[in-house]
PDB file of all heavy atoms in Angstrom:
ATOM      1  N   LEU A   1     105.812  85.266  72.854  1.00  0.00           N
ATOM      2  CA  LEU A   1     105.299  86.030  73.995  1.00  0.00           C
ATOM      3  C   LEU A   1     104.018  86.784  73.644  1.00  0.00           C
ATOM      4  O   LEU A   1     103.176  87.015  74.503  1.00  0.00           O
ATOM      5  CB  LEU A   1     106.358  87.011  74.492  1.00  0.00           C
ATOM      6  CG  LEU A   1     107.590  86.379  75.113  1.00  0.00           C
ATOM      7  CD1 LEU A   1     108.617  87.442  75.450  1.00  0.00           C
ATOM      8  CD2 LEU A   1     107.215  85.604  76.356  1.00  0.00           C
ATOM      9  N   LEU A   2     103.874  87.169  72.385  1.00  0.00           N
ATOM     10  CA  LEU A   2     102.691  87.927  71.971  1.00  0.00           C
ATOM     11  C   LEU A   2     101.421  87.090  72.065  1.00  0.00           C
ATOM     12  O   LEU A   2     100.393  87.582  72.535  1.00  0.00           O
ATOM     13  CB  LEU A   2     102.875  88.457  70.547  1.00  0.00           C
ATOM     14  CG  LEU A   2     101.714  89.271  69.984  1.00  0.00           C
ATOM     15  CD1 LEU A   2     101.524  90.552  70.796  1.00  0.00           C
ATOM     16  CD2 LEU A   2     101.953  89.599  68.519  1.00  0.00           C
ATOM     17  N   ILE A   3     101.487  85.854  71.663  1.00  0.00           N
ATOM     18  CA  ILE A   3     100.284  85.007  71.641  1.00  0.00           C
ATOM     19  C   ILE A   3      99.686  84.827  73.034  1.00  0.00           C
ATOM     20  O   ILE A   3      98.501  85.111  73.235  1.00  0.00           O
ATOM     21  CB  ILE A   3     100.585  83.660  70.944  1.00  0.00           C
ATOM     22  CG1 ILE A   3     100.863  83.911  69.456  1.00  0.00           C
ATOM     23  CG2 ILE A   3      99.436  82.677  71.126  1.00  0.00           C
ATOM     24  CD1 ILE A   3     101.440  82.728  68.727  1.00  0.00           C
ATOM     25  N   PRO A   4     100.461  84.402  74.046  1.00  0.00           N
ATOM     26  CA  PRO A   4      99.844  84.293  75.377  1.00  0.00           C
ATOM     27  C   PRO A   4      99.431  85.651  75.948  1.00  0.00           C
ATOM     28  O   PRO A   4      98.453  85.740  76.691  1.00  0.00           O
ATOM     29  CB  PRO A   4     100.908  83.630  76.241  1.00  0.00           C
ATOM     30  CG  PRO A   4     102.152  83.644  75.461  1.00  0.00           C
ATOM     31  CD  PRO A   4     101.813  83.888  74.039  1.00  0.00           C
ATOM     32  N   ALA A   5     100.161  86.705  75.590  1.00  0.00           N
ATOM     33  CA  ALA A   5      99.782  88.036  76.077  1.00  0.00           C
ATOM     34  C   ALA A   5      98.425  88.453  75.519  1.00  0.00           C
ATOM     35  O   ALA A   5      97.580  88.987  76.241  1.00  0.00           O
ATOM     36  CB  ALA A   5     100.847  89.060  75.700  1.00  0.00           C
ATOM     37  N   VAL A   6      98.200  88.206  74.240  1.00  0.00           N
ATOM     38  CA  VAL A   6      96.911  88.541  73.621  1.00  0.00           C
ATOM     39  C   VAL A   6      95.798  87.692  74.242  1.00  0.00           C
ATOM     40  O   VAL A   6      94.709  88.210  74.536  1.00  0.00           O
ATOM     41  CB  VAL A   6      96.974  88.350  72.090  1.00  0.00           C
ATOM     42  CG1 VAL A   6      95.588  88.401  71.466  1.00  0.00           C
ATOM     43  CG2 VAL A   6      97.879  89.409  71.464  1.00  0.00           C
ATOM     44  N   LEU A   7      96.058  86.419  74.461  1.00  0.00           N
ATOM     45  CA  LEU A   7      95.044  85.554  75.082  1.00  0.00           C
ATOM     46  C   LEU A   7      94.731  85.999  76.512  1.00  0.00           C
ATOM     47  O   LEU A   7      93.575  86.026  76.922  1.00  0.00           O
ATOM     48  CB  LEU A   7      95.510  84.099  75.057  1.00  0.00           C
ATOM     49  CG  LEU A   7      95.586  83.457  73.674  1.00  0.00           C
ATOM     50  CD1 LEU A   7      96.213  82.070  73.764  1.00  0.00           C
ATOM     51  CD2 LEU A   7      94.220  83.411  73.011  1.00  0.00           C
ATOM     52  N   TYR A   8      95.765  86.364  77.265  1.00  0.00           N
ATOM     53  CA  TYR A   8      95.561  86.840  78.636  1.00  0.00           C
ATOM     54  C   TYR A   8      94.777  88.149  78.639  1.00  0.00           C
ATOM     55  O   TYR A   8      93.858  88.334  79.437  1.00  0.00           O
ATOM     56  CB  TYR A   8      96.915  87.027  79.335  1.00  0.00           C
ATOM     57  CG  TYR A   8      96.795  87.357  80.807  1.00  0.00           C
ATOM     58  CD1 TYR A   8      96.654  86.343  81.739  1.00  0.00           C
ATOM     59  CD2 TYR A   8      96.827  88.672  81.249  1.00  0.00           C
ATOM     60  CE1 TYR A   8      96.536  86.632  83.090  1.00  0.00           C
ATOM     61  CE2 TYR A   8      96.715  88.970  82.597  1.00  0.00           C
ATOM     62  CZ  TYR A   8      96.568  87.946  83.502  1.00  0.00           C
ATOM     63  OH  TYR A   8      96.441  88.244  84.834  1.00  0.00           O
ATOM     64  N   TYR A   9      95.122  89.047  77.715  1.00  0.00           N
ATOM     65  CA  TYR A   9      94.411  90.325  77.616  1.00  0.00           C
ATOM     66  C   TYR A   9      92.947  90.085  77.239  1.00  0.00           C
ATOM     67  O   TYR A   9      92.049  90.727  77.780  1.00  0.00           O
ATOM     68  CB  TYR A   9      95.096  91.227  76.587  1.00  0.00           C
ATOM     69  CG  TYR A   9      94.437  92.568  76.424  1.00  0.00           C
ATOM     70  CD1 TYR A   9      94.604  93.554  77.382  1.00  0.00           C
ATOM     71  CD2 TYR A   9      93.637  92.848  75.326  1.00  0.00           C
ATOM     72  CE1 TYR A   9      93.999  94.790  77.251  1.00  0.00           C
ATOM     73  CE2 TYR A   9      93.019  94.074  75.192  1.00  0.00           C
ATOM     74  CZ  TYR A   9      93.209  95.037  76.151  1.00  0.00           C
ATOM     75  OH  TYR A   9      92.602  96.255  76.023  1.00  0.00           O
ATOM     76  N   GLN A  10      92.699  89.152  76.329  1.00  0.00           N
ATOM     77  CA  GLN A  10      91.326  88.842  75.936  1.00  0.00           C
ATOM     78  C   GLN A  10      90.538  88.308  77.134  1.00  0.00           C
ATOM     79  O   GLN A  10      89.393  88.697  77.349  1.00  0.00           O
ATOM     80  CB  GLN A  10      91.324  87.826  74.802  1.00  0.00           C
ATOM     81  CG  GLN A  10      89.947  87.479  74.304  1.00  0.00           C
ATOM     82  CD  GLN A  10      89.970  86.456  73.185  1.00  0.00           C
ATOM     83  OE1 GLN A  10      91.003  85.850  72.899  1.00  0.00           O
ATOM     84  NE2 GLN A  10      88.831  86.259  72.557  1.00  0.00           N
ATOM     85  N   PHE A  11      91.135  87.442  77.924  1.00  0.00           N
ATOM     86  CA  PHE A  11      90.490  86.919  79.117  1.00  0.00           C
ATOM     87  C   PHE A  11      90.240  88.038  80.127  1.00  0.00           C
ATOM     88  O   PHE A  11      89.192  88.096  80.766  1.00  0.00           O
ATOM     89  CB  PHE A  11      91.337  85.806  79.731  1.00  0.00           C
ATOM     90  CG  PHE A  11      90.686  85.137  80.891  1.00  0.00           C
ATOM     91  CD1 PHE A  11      89.553  84.349  80.726  1.00  0.00           C
ATOM     92  CD2 PHE A  11      91.203  85.282  82.169  1.00  0.00           C
ATOM     93  CE1 PHE A  11      88.940  83.741  81.804  1.00  0.00           C
ATOM     94  CE2 PHE A  11      90.609  84.685  83.246  1.00  0.00           C
ATOM     95  CZ  PHE A  11      89.470  83.898  83.064  1.00  0.00           C
ATOM     96  N   TYR A  12      91.186  88.938  80.246  1.00  0.00           N
ATOM     97  CA  TYR A  12      91.054  90.110  81.130  1.00  0.00           C
ATOM     98  C   TYR A  12      89.864  90.965  80.718  1.00  0.00           C
ATOM     99  O   TYR A  12      89.040  91.365  81.544  1.00  0.00           O
ATOM    100  CB  TYR A  12      92.361  90.898  81.083  1.00  0.00           C
ATOM    101  CG  TYR A  12      92.285  92.312  81.604  1.00  0.00           C
ATOM    102  CD1 TYR A  12      92.276  92.563  82.969  1.00  0.00           C
ATOM    103  CD2 TYR A  12      92.233  93.387  80.727  1.00  0.00           C
ATOM    104  CE1 TYR A  12      92.224  93.862  83.453  1.00  0.00           C
ATOM    105  CE2 TYR A  12      92.176  94.683  81.205  1.00  0.00           C
ATOM    106  CZ  TYR A  12      92.168  94.918  82.560  1.00  0.00           C
ATOM    107  OH  TYR A  12      92.111  96.205  83.021  1.00  0.00           O
ATOM    108  N   VAL A  13      89.732  91.240  79.424  1.00  0.00           N
ATOM    109  CA  VAL A  13      88.628  92.063  78.913  1.00  0.00           C
ATOM    110  C   VAL A  13      87.292  91.349  79.134  1.00  0.00           C
ATOM    111  O   VAL A  13      86.321  91.959  79.595  1.00  0.00           O
ATOM    112  CB  VAL A  13      88.837  92.408  77.420  1.00  0.00           C
ATOM    113  CG1 VAL A  13      87.587  93.014  76.810  1.00  0.00           C
ATOM    114  CG2 VAL A  13      90.019  93.343  77.264  1.00  0.00           C
ATOM    115  N   MET A  14      87.235  90.072  78.823  1.00  0.00           N
ATOM    116  CA  MET A  14      85.993  89.319  78.995  1.00  0.00           C
ATOM    117  C   MET A  14      85.570  89.290  80.459  1.00  0.00           C
ATOM    118  O   MET A  14      84.386  89.445  80.775  1.00  0.00           O
ATOM    119  CB  MET A  14      86.157  87.905  78.445  1.00  0.00           C
ATOM    120  CG  MET A  14      86.225  87.855  76.940  1.00  0.00           C
ATOM    121  SD  MET A  14      86.583  86.236  76.195  1.00  0.00           S
ATOM    122  CE  MET A  14      86.027  85.050  77.345  1.00  0.00           C
ATOM    123  N   SER A  15      86.512  89.106  81.363  1.00  0.00           N
ATOM    124  CA  SER A  15      86.161  89.080  82.782  1.00  0.00           C
ATOM    125  C   SER A  15      85.690  90.457  83.257  1.00  0.00           C
ATOM    126  O   SER A  15      84.794  90.551  84.096  1.00  0.00           O
ATOM    127  CB  SER A  15      87.327  88.577  83.628  1.00  0.00           C
ATOM    128  OG  SER A  15      88.409  89.470  83.591  1.00  0.00           O
ATOM    129  N   ALA A  16      86.253  91.525  82.709  1.00  0.00           N
ATOM    130  CA  ALA A  16      85.814  92.875  83.086  1.00  0.00           C
ATOM    131  C   ALA A  16      84.386  93.127  82.613  1.00  0.00           C
ATOM    132  O   ALA A  16      83.579  93.725  83.328  1.00  0.00           O
ATOM    133  CB  ALA A  16      86.752  93.923  82.500  1.00  0.00           C
ATOM    134  N   PHE A  17      84.056  92.679  81.412  1.00  0.00           N
ATOM    135  CA  PHE A  17      82.703  92.886  80.891  1.00  0.00           C
ATOM    136  C   PHE A  17      81.667  92.015  81.582  1.00  0.00           C
ATOM    137  O   PHE A  17      80.484  92.311  81.518  1.00  0.00           O
ATOM    138  CB  PHE A  17      82.663  92.661  79.375  1.00  0.00           C
ATOM    139  CG  PHE A  17      83.085  93.869  78.604  1.00  0.00           C
ATOM    140  CD1 PHE A  17      84.349  93.935  78.046  1.00  0.00           C
ATOM    141  CD2 PHE A  17      82.236  94.953  78.456  1.00  0.00           C
ATOM    142  CE1 PHE A  17      84.751  95.059  77.344  1.00  0.00           C
ATOM    143  CE2 PHE A  17      82.630  96.075  77.762  1.00  0.00           C
ATOM    144  CZ  PHE A  17      83.890  96.130  77.204  1.00  0.00           C
ATOM    145  N   HIS A  18      82.108  90.958  82.230  1.00  0.00           N
ATOM    146  CA  HIS A  18      81.179  90.119  82.983  1.00  0.00           C
ATOM    147  C   HIS A  18      81.172  90.457  84.467  1.00  0.00           C
ATOM    148  O   HIS A  18      80.660  89.706  85.277  1.00  0.00           O
ATOM    149  CB  HIS A  18      81.515  88.640  82.763  1.00  0.00           C
ATOM    150  CG  HIS A  18      81.172  88.171  81.392  1.00  0.00           C
ATOM    151  ND1 HIS A  18      82.084  88.171  80.361  1.00  0.00           N
ATOM    152  CD2 HIS A  18      80.003  87.727  80.870  1.00  0.00           C
ATOM    153  CE1 HIS A  18      81.503  87.732  79.269  1.00  0.00           C
ATOM    154  NE2 HIS A  18      80.237  87.463  79.540  1.00  0.00           N
ATOM    155  N   GLY A  19      81.783  91.590  84.822  1.00  0.00           N
ATOM    156  CA  GLY A  19      81.743  92.073  86.197  1.00  0.00           C
ATOM    157  C   GLY A  19      82.706  91.392  87.141  1.00  0.00           C
ATOM    158  O   GLY A  19      82.618  91.564  88.345  1.00  0.00           O
ATOM    159  N   ARG A  20      83.619  90.628  86.621  1.00  0.00           N
ATOM    160  CA  ARG A  20      84.613  89.956  87.475  1.00  0.00           C
ATOM    161  C   ARG A  20      85.950  90.647  87.286  1.00  0.00           C
ATOM    162  O   ARG A  20      86.434  90.798  86.173  1.00  0.00           O
ATOM    163  CB  ARG A  20      84.726  88.483  87.096  1.00  0.00           C
ATOM    164  CG  ARG A  20      83.450  87.708  87.331  1.00  0.00           C
ATOM    165  CD  ARG A  20      83.651  86.233  87.016  1.00  0.00           C
ATOM    166  NE  ARG A  20      84.103  86.002  85.659  1.00  0.00           N
ATOM    167  CZ  ARG A  20      83.313  85.683  84.636  1.00  0.00           C
ATOM    168  NH1 ARG A  20      82.023  85.590  84.833  1.00  0.00           N
ATOM    169  NH2 ARG A  20      83.811  85.476  83.435  1.00  0.00           N
ATOM    170  N   ASN A  21      86.528  91.068  88.370  1.00  0.00           N
ATOM    171  CA  ASN A  21      87.844  91.682  88.319  1.00  0.00           C
ATOM    172  C   ASN A  21      88.870  90.738  88.921  1.00  0.00           C
ATOM    173  O   ASN A  21      89.623  91.095  89.808  1.00  0.00           O
ATOM    174  CB  ASN A  21      87.850  93.028  89.054  1.00  0.00           C
ATOM    175  CG  ASN A  21      87.152  94.098  88.262  1.00  0.00           C
ATOM    176  OD1 ASN A  21      87.057  93.993  87.052  1.00  0.00           O
ATOM    177  ND2 ASN A  21      86.653  95.102  88.937  1.00  0.00           N
ATOM    178  N   GLY A  22      88.893  89.515  88.429  1.00  0.00           N
ATOM    179  CA  GLY A  22      89.798  88.517  88.963  1.00  0.00           C
ATOM    180  C   GLY A  22      91.229  88.697  88.500  1.00  0.00           C
ATOM    181  O   GLY A  22      92.141  88.164  89.100  1.00  0.00           O
ATOM    182  N   LEU A  23      91.423  89.434  87.429  1.00  0.00           N
ATOM    183  CA  LEU A  23      92.771  89.620  86.907  1.00  0.00           C
ATOM    184  C   LEU A  23      93.288  90.987  87.306  1.00  0.00           C
ATOM    185  O   LEU A  23      92.555  91.965  87.296  1.00  0.00           O
ATOM    186  CB  LEU A  23      92.770  89.472  85.388  1.00  0.00           C
ATOM    187  CG  LEU A  23      92.289  88.113  84.884  1.00  0.00           C
ATOM    188  CD1 LEU A  23      92.234  88.122  83.378  1.00  0.00           C
ATOM    189  CD2 LEU A  23      93.191  87.012  85.378  1.00  0.00           C
ATOM    190  N   ASP A  24      94.543  91.040  87.617  1.00  0.00           N
ATOM    191  CA  ASP A  24      95.156  92.267  88.104  1.00  0.00           C
ATOM    192  C   ASP A  24      95.457  93.227  86.956  1.00  0.00           C
ATOM    193  O   ASP A  24      96.220  92.892  86.047  1.00  0.00           O
ATOM    194  CB  ASP A  24      96.429  91.921  88.860  1.00  0.00           C
ATOM    195  CG  ASP A  24      96.964  93.074  89.653  1.00  0.00           C
ATOM    196  OD1 ASP A  24      96.406  94.181  89.561  1.00  0.00           O
ATOM    197  OD2 ASP A  24      97.949  92.871  90.371  1.00  0.00           O
ATOM    198  N   GLN A  25      94.855  94.408  86.980  1.00  0.00           N
ATOM    199  CA  GLN A  25      95.072  95.382  85.915  1.00  0.00           C
ATOM    200  C   GLN A  25      96.534  95.824  85.861  1.00  0.00           C
ATOM    201  O   GLN A  25      97.061  96.077  84.784  1.00  0.00           O
ATOM    202  CB  GLN A  25      94.167  96.596  86.096  1.00  0.00           C
ATOM    203  CG  GLN A  25      94.256  97.546  84.924  1.00  0.00           C
ATOM    204  CD  GLN A  25      93.284  98.705  85.032  1.00  0.00           C
ATOM    205  OE1 GLN A  25      92.886  99.095  86.115  1.00  0.00           O
ATOM    206  NE2 GLN A  25      92.911  99.252  83.904  1.00  0.00           N
ATOM    207  N   ALA A  26      97.189  95.889  86.995  1.00  0.00           N
ATOM    208  CA  ALA A  26      98.593  96.305  86.991  1.00  0.00           C
ATOM    209  C   ALA A  26      99.444  95.295  86.226  1.00  0.00           C
ATOM    210  O   ALA A  26     100.356  95.683  85.487  1.00  0.00           O
ATOM    211  CB  ALA A  26      99.099  96.469  88.421  1.00  0.00           C
ATOM    212  N   PHE A  27      99.166  93.999  86.369  1.00  0.00           N
ATOM    213  CA  PHE A  27      99.924  93.002  85.614  1.00  0.00           C
ATOM    214  C   PHE A  27      99.628  93.116  84.124  1.00  0.00           C
ATOM    215  O   PHE A  27     100.517  92.955  83.289  1.00  0.00           O
ATOM    216  CB  PHE A  27      99.642  91.587  86.104  1.00  0.00           C
ATOM    217  CG  PHE A  27     100.428  90.551  85.352  1.00  0.00           C
ATOM    218  CD1 PHE A  27     101.792  90.417  85.568  1.00  0.00           C
ATOM    219  CD2 PHE A  27      99.819  89.745  84.414  1.00  0.00           C
ATOM    220  CE1 PHE A  27     102.531  89.495  84.853  1.00  0.00           C
ATOM    221  CE2 PHE A  27     100.551  88.816  83.694  1.00  0.00           C
ATOM    222  CZ  PHE A  27     101.909  88.680  83.923  1.00  0.00           C
ATOM    223  N   VAL A  28      98.369  93.396  83.780  1.00  0.00           N
ATOM    224  CA  VAL A  28      98.011  93.571  82.370  1.00  0.00           C
ATOM    225  C   VAL A  28      98.765  94.769  81.797  1.00  0.00           C
ATOM    226  O   VAL A  28      99.294  94.705  80.678  1.00  0.00           O
ATOM    227  CB  VAL A  28      96.483  93.727  82.205  1.00  0.00           C
ATOM    228  CG1 VAL A  28      96.119  94.102  80.780  1.00  0.00           C
ATOM    229  CG2 VAL A  28      95.776  92.448  82.612  1.00  0.00           C
ATOM    230  N   CYS A  29      98.848  95.860  82.544  1.00  0.00           N
ATOM    231  CA  CYS A  29      99.591  97.037  82.076  1.00  0.00           C
ATOM    232  C   CYS A  29     101.077  96.715  81.926  1.00  0.00           C
ATOM    233  O   CYS A  29     101.714  97.142  80.956  1.00  0.00           O
ATOM    234  CB  CYS A  29      99.391  98.207  83.037  1.00  0.00           C
ATOM    235  SG  CYS A  29      97.727  98.892  82.994  1.00  0.00           S
ATOM    236  N   PHE A  30     101.640  95.956  82.855  1.00  0.00           N
ATOM    237  CA  PHE A  30     103.027  95.529  82.756  1.00  0.00           C
ATOM    238  C   PHE A  30     103.235  94.700  81.498  1.00  0.00           C
ATOM    239  O   PHE A  30     104.187  94.899  80.747  1.00  0.00           O
ATOM    240  CB  PHE A  30     103.408  94.720  84.008  1.00  0.00           C
ATOM    241  CG  PHE A  30     104.721  94.022  83.891  1.00  0.00           C
ATOM    242  CD1 PHE A  30     105.901  94.700  84.116  1.00  0.00           C
ATOM    243  CD2 PHE A  30     104.775  92.683  83.554  1.00  0.00           C
ATOM    244  CE1 PHE A  30     107.125  94.058  84.005  1.00  0.00           C
ATOM    245  CE2 PHE A  30     105.992  92.035  83.434  1.00  0.00           C
ATOM    246  CZ  PHE A  30     107.164  92.714  83.661  1.00  0.00           C
ATOM    247  N   MET A  31     102.307  93.772  81.262  1.00  0.00           N
ATOM    248  CA  MET A  31     102.408  92.893  80.105  1.00  0.00           C
ATOM    249  C   MET A  31     102.311  93.692  78.798  1.00  0.00           C
ATOM    250  O   MET A  31     103.091  93.466  77.869  1.00  0.00           O
ATOM    251  CB  MET A  31     101.280  91.860  80.176  1.00  0.00           C
ATOM    252  CG  MET A  31     101.255  90.851  79.077  1.00  0.00           C
ATOM    253  SD  MET A  31      99.761  89.842  79.166  1.00  0.00           S
ATOM    254  CE  MET A  31      98.510  91.070  78.863  1.00  0.00           C
ATOM    255  N   VAL A  32     101.399  94.646  78.734  1.00  0.00           N
ATOM    256  CA  VAL A  32     101.258  95.485  77.540  1.00  0.00           C
ATOM    257  C   VAL A  32     102.534  96.300  77.325  1.00  0.00           C
ATOM    258  O   VAL A  32     103.028  96.420  76.200  1.00  0.00           O
ATOM    259  CB  VAL A  32     100.015  96.394  77.635  1.00  0.00           C
ATOM    260  CG1 VAL A  32     100.019  97.459  76.570  1.00  0.00           C
ATOM    261  CG2 VAL A  32      98.746  95.556  77.537  1.00  0.00           C
ATOM    262  N   GLY A  33     103.099  96.849  78.393  1.00  0.00           N
ATOM    263  CA  GLY A  33     104.347  97.599  78.275  1.00  0.00           C
ATOM    264  C   GLY A  33     105.485  96.729  77.766  1.00  0.00           C
ATOM    265  O   GLY A  33     106.293  97.163  76.939  1.00  0.00           O
ATOM    266  N   ALA A  34     105.550  95.494  78.235  1.00  0.00           N
ATOM    267  CA  ALA A  34     106.588  94.572  77.767  1.00  0.00           C
ATOM    268  C   ALA A  34     106.406  94.272  76.280  1.00  0.00           C
ATOM    269  O   ALA A  34     107.382  94.237  75.521  1.00  0.00           O
ATOM    270  CB  ALA A  34     106.555  93.282  78.584  1.00  0.00           C
TER     271      ALA A  34
END
């Protein structure tokens, strides 16, 4: 579970730095909490 979570988080960060908010921050927070 850690590997896809880290990859998803990395994609989330990259999209935020490129001005795209396509990923839901609430889901990322849920995933980090899990």
